[in-house]
Amino acid sequence: MEILKKFMDGAKSLLADEKGAVSSKRFVGLLSAITLCVTMYHNSFSDISVAPADSLVNAVALLAFGALGLSSVDKFTGMKDQISNATKSTKKQEQEESYDYEG
């Protein structure tokens, strides 16, 4: 049971965003990537007539890379928001202190 708990904790951390909530973009990206890998592996042993259309494979690849890329961008933009908020609060605090010295 401990191994199953470790596996579930690892899977949850893999899908969690920087705030700890499960990210739907990461879930879709990983599911698309796994589906793409399984499809490519299966097609390596099957006839060319059974293979999916190239446009379908490209669409799934773009979905996987786009979803995982967007979750990466969100991570960095979240950091920018935190830095921006910290800078604003510091400037506001400095302005309040300057008013205290003047008055």
C-alpha atoms as a PDB file:
ATOM      1  CA  MET A   1       0.000   0.000   0.000  1.00  0.00           C
ATOM      2  CA  GLU A   2       2.892   2.370   0.664  1.00  0.00           C
ATOM      3  CA  ILE A   3       4.130   1.938  -2.904  1.00  0.00           C
ATOM      4  CA  LEU A   4       0.681   2.814  -4.256  1.00  0.00           C
ATOM      5  CA  LYS A   5       0.557   5.896  -2.027  1.00  0.00           C
ATOM      6  CA  LYS A   6       3.985   7.016  -3.274  1.00  0.00           C
ATOM      7  CA  PHE A   7       2.898   6.469  -6.864  1.00  0.00           C
ATOM      8  CA  MET A   8      -0.293   8.503  -6.375  1.00  0.00           C
ATOM      9  CA  ASP A   9       1.628  11.310  -4.636  1.00  0.00           C
ATOM     10  CA  GLY A  10       4.131  11.358  -7.501  1.00  0.00           C
ATOM     11  CA  ALA A  11       1.376  11.454 -10.115  1.00  0.00           C
ATOM     12  CA  LYS A  12      -0.376  14.275  -8.275  1.00  0.00           C
ATOM     13  CA  SER A  13       2.835  16.298  -8.001  1.00  0.00           C
ATOM     14  CA  LEU A  14       3.439  15.746 -11.711  1.00  0.00           C
ATOM     15  CA  LEU A  15       0.044  17.248 -12.525  1.00  0.00           C
ATOM     16  CA  ALA A  16       0.122  19.999  -9.876  1.00  0.00           C
ATOM     17  CA  ASP A  17       0.804  23.619 -10.719  1.00  0.00           C
ATOM     18  CA  GLU A  18       2.937  26.011  -8.681  1.00  0.00           C
ATOM     19  CA  LYS A  19       0.093  26.535  -6.196  1.00  0.00           C
ATOM     20  CA  GLY A  20      -0.402  22.789  -5.652  1.00  0.00           C
ATOM     21  CA  ALA A  21      -3.713  22.501  -7.524  1.00  0.00           C
ATOM     22  CA  VAL A  22      -4.110  19.905 -10.263  1.00  0.00           C
ATOM     23  CA  SER A  23      -3.679  21.622 -13.634  1.00  0.00           C
ATOM     24  CA  SER A  24      -6.031  20.561 -16.426  1.00  0.00           C
ATOM     25  CA  LYS A  25      -3.504  21.746 -19.025  1.00  0.00           C
ATOM     26  CA  ARG A  26      -0.856  19.421 -17.649  1.00  0.00           C
ATOM     27  CA  PHE A  27      -3.349  16.564 -17.513  1.00  0.00           C
ATOM     28  CA  VAL A  28      -4.364  17.080 -21.153  1.00  0.00           C
ATOM     29  CA  GLY A  29      -0.738  17.515 -22.218  1.00  0.00           C
ATOM     30  CA  LEU A  30       0.453  14.343 -20.511  1.00  0.00           C
ATOM     31  CA  LEU A  31      -2.548  12.349 -21.713  1.00  0.00           C
ATOM     32  CA  SER A  32      -1.932  13.552 -25.286  1.00  0.00           C
ATOM     33  CA  ALA A  33       1.776  12.737 -25.080  1.00  0.00           C
ATOM     34  CA  ILE A  34       1.092   9.246 -23.732  1.00  0.00           C
ATOM     35  CA  THR A  35      -1.554   8.641 -26.411  1.00  0.00           C
ATOM     36  CA  LEU A  36       0.837   9.819 -29.099  1.00  0.00           C
ATOM     37  CA  CYS A  37       3.623   7.545 -27.833  1.00  0.00           C
ATOM     38  CA  VAL A  38       1.327   4.512 -27.642  1.00  0.00           C
ATOM     39  CA  THR A  39      -0.026   5.205 -31.137  1.00  0.00           C
ATOM     40  CA  MET A  40       3.460   5.578 -32.614  1.00  0.00           C
ATOM     41  CA  TYR A  41       4.624   2.378 -30.908  1.00  0.00           C
ATOM     42  CA  HIS A  42       1.570   0.470 -32.144  1.00  0.00           C
ATOM     43  CA  ASN A  43       2.027   1.787 -35.684  1.00  0.00           C
ATOM     44  CA  SER A  44       5.620   0.602 -35.800  1.00  0.00           C
ATOM     45  CA  PHE A  45       4.317  -2.995 -35.774  1.00  0.00           C
ATOM     46  CA  SER A  46       1.274  -2.549 -38.032  1.00  0.00           C
ATOM     47  CA  ASP A  47       0.723  -2.087 -41.763  1.00  0.00           C
ATOM     48  CA  ILE A  48       0.739   1.353 -43.311  1.00  0.00           C
ATOM     49  CA  SER A  49      -2.940   0.948 -44.226  1.00  0.00           C
ATOM     50  CA  VAL A  50      -3.860   0.857 -40.504  1.00  0.00           C
ATOM     51  CA  ALA A  51      -1.860   3.972 -39.598  1.00  0.00           C
ATOM     52  CA  PRO A  52      -3.774   7.137 -38.631  1.00  0.00           C
ATOM     53  CA  ALA A  53      -3.671  10.165 -40.879  1.00  0.00           C
ATOM     54  CA  ASP A  54      -0.629  12.387 -40.618  1.00  0.00           C
ATOM     55  CA  SER A  55      -2.810  15.385 -39.823  1.00  0.00           C
ATOM     56  CA  LEU A  56      -4.319  13.538 -36.842  1.00  0.00           C
ATOM     57  CA  VAL A  57      -0.890  12.650 -35.463  1.00  0.00           C
ATOM     58  CA  ASN A  58       0.275  16.252 -35.954  1.00  0.00           C
ATOM     59  CA  ALA A  59      -2.840  17.570 -34.209  1.00  0.00           C
ATOM     60  CA  VAL A  60      -2.281  15.363 -31.157  1.00  0.00           C
ATOM     61  CA  ALA A  61       1.401  16.342 -31.078  1.00  0.00           C
ATOM     62  CA  LEU A  62       0.505  20.046 -31.224  1.00  0.00           C
ATOM     63  CA  LEU A  63      -2.082  19.566 -28.489  1.00  0.00           C
ATOM     64  CA  ALA A  64       0.445  17.828 -26.240  1.00  0.00           C
ATOM     65  CA  PHE A  65       3.244  20.319 -26.800  1.00  0.00           C
ATOM     66  CA  GLY A  66       0.879  23.289 -26.654  1.00  0.00           C
ATOM     67  CA  ALA A  67      -0.748  22.208 -23.400  1.00  0.00           C
ATOM     68  CA  LEU A  68       2.577  21.472 -21.720  1.00  0.00           C
ATOM     69  CA  GLY A  69       4.083  24.676 -23.086  1.00  0.00           C
ATOM     70  CA  LEU A  70       1.167  26.763 -21.839  1.00  0.00           C
ATOM     71  CA  SER A  71       1.493  25.321 -18.356  1.00  0.00           C
ATOM     72  CA  SER A  72       5.175  26.318 -18.406  1.00  0.00           C
ATOM     73  CA  VAL A  73       4.300  29.852 -19.479  1.00  0.00           C
ATOM     74  CA  ASP A  74       1.739  30.098 -16.666  1.00  0.00           C
ATOM     75  CA  LYS A  75       4.404  29.138 -14.184  1.00  0.00           C
ATOM     76  CA  PHE A  76       6.674  31.994 -15.259  1.00  0.00           C
ATOM     77  CA  THR A  77       3.893  34.568 -15.550  1.00  0.00           C
ATOM     78  CA  GLY A  78       2.810  33.653 -12.021  1.00  0.00           C
ATOM     79  CA  MET A  79       6.287  34.510 -10.802  1.00  0.00           C
ATOM     80  CA  LYS A  80       6.152  37.830 -12.647  1.00  0.00           C
ATOM     81  CA  ASP A  81       2.863  38.673 -10.916  1.00  0.00           C
ATOM     82  CA  GLN A  82       4.390  37.892  -7.530  1.00  0.00           C
ATOM     83  CA  ILE A  83       7.407  40.091  -8.279  1.00  0.00           C
ATOM     84  CA  SER A  84       5.145  42.872  -9.550  1.00  0.00           C
ATOM     85  CA  ASN A  85       2.965  42.717  -6.417  1.00  0.00           C
ATOM     86  CA  ALA A  86       6.016  42.748  -4.159  1.00  0.00           C
ATOM     87  CA  THR A  87       7.447  45.755  -6.007  1.00  0.00           C
ATOM     88  CA  LYS A  88       4.152  47.641  -5.794  1.00  0.00           C
ATOM     89  CA  SER A  89       3.849  47.022  -2.062  1.00  0.00           C
ATOM     90  CA  THR A  90       7.444  48.159  -1.500  1.00  0.00           C
ATOM     91  CA  LYS A  91       6.882  51.380  -3.480  1.00  0.00           C
ATOM     92  CA  LYS A  92       3.652  52.043  -1.609  1.00  0.00           C
ATOM     93  CA  GLN A  93       5.422  51.522   1.716  1.00  0.00           C
ATOM     94  CA  GLU A  94       8.210  53.918   0.672  1.00  0.00           C
ATOM     95  CA  GLN A  95       5.645  56.569  -0.314  1.00  0.00           C
ATOM     96  CA  GLU A  96       3.897  56.246   3.043  1.00  0.00           C
ATOM     97  CA  GLU A  97       7.209  56.650   4.861  1.00  0.00           C
ATOM     98  CA  SER A  98       8.054  59.766   2.814  1.00  0.00           C
ATOM     99  CA  TYR A  99       4.681  61.305   3.764  1.00  0.00           C
ATOM    100  CA  ASP A 100       5.441  60.622   7.431  1.00  0.00           C
ATOM    101  CA  TYR A 101       8.709  62.593   7.205  1.00  0.00           C
ATOM    102  CA  GLU A 102       7.110  65.536   5.422  1.00  0.00           C
ATOM    103  CA  GLY A 103       4.145  65.907   7.769  1.00  0.00           C
END
